[in-house]
C-alpha atoms as a PDB file:
ATOM      1  CA  UNK A   1      38.651  -2.061  18.054  1.00  0.00           C
ATOM      2  CA  UNK A   2      41.941  -3.558  17.232  1.00  0.00           C
ATOM      3  CA  UNK A   3      44.291  -3.016  14.019  1.00  0.00           C
ATOM      4  CA  UNK A   4      44.613  -5.486  11.830  1.00  0.00           C
ATOM      5  CA  UNK A   5      46.698  -5.890   8.616  1.00  0.00           C
ATOM      6  CA  UNK A   6      46.260  -7.025   5.257  1.00  0.00           C
ATOM      7  CA  UNK A   7      46.885 -10.669   4.734  1.00  0.00           C
ATOM      8  CA  UNK A   8      46.146 -12.327   8.180  1.00  0.00           C
ATOM      9  CA  UNK A   9      44.342 -14.683   8.725  1.00  0.00           C
ATOM     10  CA  UNK A  10      41.780 -15.881  11.301  1.00  0.00           C
ATOM     11  CA  UNK A  11      39.674 -18.765  12.397  1.00  0.00           C
ATOM     12  CA  UNK A  12      36.317 -18.990  13.968  1.00  0.00           C
ATOM     13  CA  UNK A  13      36.444 -21.450  16.995  1.00  0.00           C
ATOM     14  CA  UNK A  14      32.847 -22.345  16.670  1.00  0.00           C
ATOM     15  CA  UNK A  15      32.054 -23.075  12.984  1.00  0.00           C
ATOM     16  CA  UNK A  16      35.807 -23.110  11.213  1.00  0.00           C
ATOM     17  CA  UNK A  17      35.315 -20.589   8.846  1.00  0.00           C
ATOM     18  CA  UNK A  18      38.686 -18.767   8.087  1.00  0.00           C
ATOM     19  CA  UNK A  19      38.618 -15.348   7.171  1.00  0.00           C
ATOM     20  CA  UNK A  20      41.607 -13.537   5.248  1.00  0.00           C
ATOM     21  CA  UNK A  21      41.790  -9.515   5.622  1.00  0.00           C
ATOM     22  CA  UNK A  22      42.259  -7.678   2.552  1.00  0.00           C
ATOM     23  CA  UNK A  23      42.107  -4.460   3.396  1.00  0.00           C
ATOM     24  CA  UNK A  24      43.448  -3.487   7.173  1.00  0.00           C
ATOM     25  CA  UNK A  25      42.572  -1.205   9.621  1.00  0.00           C
ATOM     26  CA  UNK A  26      40.428  -1.110  12.766  1.00  0.00           C
ATOM     27  CA  UNK A  27      38.097  -3.752  13.074  1.00  0.00           C
ATOM     28  CA  UNK A  28      36.096  -6.451  15.232  1.00  0.00           C
ATOM     29  CA  UNK A  29      36.096  -9.493  13.721  1.00  0.00           C
ATOM     30  CA  UNK A  30      33.402 -11.418  14.497  1.00  0.00           C
ATOM     31  CA  UNK A  31      31.267 -15.219  13.274  1.00  0.00           C
ATOM     32  CA  UNK A  32      28.752 -16.850  15.478  1.00  0.00           C
ATOM     33  CA  UNK A  33      28.656 -14.310  18.245  1.00  0.00           C
ATOM     34  CA  UNK A  34      32.164 -14.517  18.959  1.00  0.00           C
ATOM     35  CA  UNK A  35      35.299 -12.843  18.113  1.00  0.00           C
ATOM     36  CA  UNK A  36      37.897 -15.101  15.609  1.00  0.00           C
ATOM     37  CA  UNK A  37      40.909 -16.358  16.717  1.00  0.00           C
ATOM     38  CA  UNK A  38      44.498 -15.773  14.426  1.00  0.00           C
ATOM     39  CA  UNK A  39      45.318 -18.697  12.381  1.00  0.00           C
ATOM     40  CA  UNK A  40      47.711 -20.496  13.538  1.00  0.00           C
END
């Protein structure tokens, strides 16, 4: 697990879904069975 801060944005490389972290903590964010990437 990795430390994820509130306010960070992530995007799925498979379906392009976007995620915004609303509560920080240790997490593994996955979508379509793959880890999501930080949004640039």
